Amino acid sequence: MKDDLSKAIELALGGQWDAAHRIVQQYEADAIAAWIHAVLHKIEGDLDNSRYWYRRAGKMDCIEREPRAELRSIQELVGG
């Protein structure tokens, strides 16, 4: 799973939103995947859906962060 989440972040940073989204959807019960999912919806502009995933991830404090910087922070956390 860790490798998949790292790949999702790489794809998101490369502008491949759909591919990244497909990966994180496979791990909906995981907090890190939910956090990535939140950032993806923030990038998409779907802020209601983004808030839902931030709540699931327990990361409401990150909702105002810049998405690319946030993804890089998550990438460091997962070891990517």
Protein backbone atom coordinates (compact mmCIF):
# COMPACT_ATOMS: atom_id res chain seq x y z
CA MET A 1 0.00 0.00 0.00
CA LYS A 2 2.81 2.41 0.88
CA ASP A 3 4.23 2.13 -2.64
CA ASP A 4 0.79 2.75 -4.13
CA LEU A 5 0.28 5.86 -2.01
CA SER A 6 3.71 7.17 -3.02
CA LYS A 7 2.77 6.56 -6.64
CA ALA A 8 -0.53 8.41 -6.16
CA ILE A 9 1.36 11.42 -4.80
CA GLU A 10 3.81 11.35 -7.72
CA LEU A 11 0.92 11.20 -10.17
CA ALA A 12 -0.88 14.06 -8.44
CA LEU A 13 2.26 16.20 -8.46
CA GLY A 14 2.59 15.39 -12.16
CA GLY A 15 -0.93 16.62 -12.86
CA GLN A 16 -2.46 13.16 -13.30
CA TRP A 17 -5.42 13.67 -10.98
CA ASP A 18 -7.59 10.80 -12.26
CA ALA A 19 -4.84 8.18 -11.97
CA ALA A 20 -3.95 9.36 -8.46
CA HIS A 21 -7.61 9.33 -7.47
CA ARG A 22 -8.08 5.76 -8.70
CA ILE A 23 -5.22 4.61 -6.48
CA VAL A 24 -6.35 6.29 -3.25
CA GLN A 25 -9.91 5.06 -3.71
CA GLN A 26 -8.60 1.53 -3.16
CA TYR A 27 -7.53 2.39 0.41
CA GLU A 28 -10.46 4.41 1.75
CA ALA A 29 -10.09 3.04 5.29
CA ASP A 30 -6.48 4.25 5.59
CA ALA A 31 -5.91 7.70 7.14
CA ILE A 32 -2.99 8.62 4.86
CA ALA A 33 -4.94 7.62 1.76
CA ALA A 34 -7.89 9.67 3.03
CA TRP A 35 -5.55 12.64 3.48
CA ILE A 36 -4.24 12.30 -0.08
CA HIS A 37 -7.85 11.93 -1.24
CA ALA A 38 -8.69 15.21 0.53
CA VAL A 39 -5.86 17.03 -1.22
CA LEU A 40 -6.89 15.62 -4.59
CA HIS A 41 -10.41 16.96 -4.19
CA LYS A 42 -8.99 20.30 -3.07
CA ILE A 43 -6.97 20.41 -6.29
CA GLU A 44 -10.09 19.48 -8.25
CA GLY A 45 -11.99 22.33 -6.62
CA ASP A 46 -14.55 20.07 -4.91
CA LEU A 47 -14.19 21.60 -1.45
CA ASP A 48 -17.16 19.83 0.13
CA ASN A 49 -15.75 16.44 -0.84
CA SER A 50 -12.29 17.59 0.23
CA ARG A 51 -13.58 18.51 3.70
CA TYR A 52 -15.22 15.09 4.01
CA TRP A 53 -11.88 13.37 3.36
CA TYR A 54 -9.97 15.75 5.66
CA ARG A 55 -12.41 14.80 8.43
CA ARG A 56 -11.93 11.08 7.69
CA ALA A 57 -8.16 11.57 7.80
CA GLY A 58 -8.28 13.61 11.01
CA LYS A 59 -6.45 16.42 9.21
CA MET A 60 -8.89 19.35 9.26
CA ASP A 61 -5.98 21.52 10.39
CA CYS A 62 -4.42 21.08 6.92
CA ILE A 63 -7.39 22.25 4.88
CA GLU A 64 -5.89 25.68 4.12
CA ARG A 65 -2.46 24.38 3.07
CA GLU A 66 -1.18 24.75 -0.47
CA PRO A 67 -1.85 21.39 -2.18
CA ARG A 68 1.56 20.74 -3.74
CA ALA A 69 3.42 21.51 -0.52
CA GLU A 70 0.94 19.37 1.38
CA LEU A 71 1.46 16.44 -0.99
CA ARG A 72 5.22 16.76 -0.55
CA SER A 73 4.76 16.63 3.24
CA ILE A 74 2.66 13.48 2.92
CA GLN A 75 5.27 12.03 0.55
CA GLU A 76 7.95 12.49 3.22
CA LEU A 77 5.70 10.79 5.75
CA VAL A 78 5.14 7.71 3.57
CA GLY A 79 8.80 7.60 2.60
CA GLY A 80 8.45 8.44 -1.06
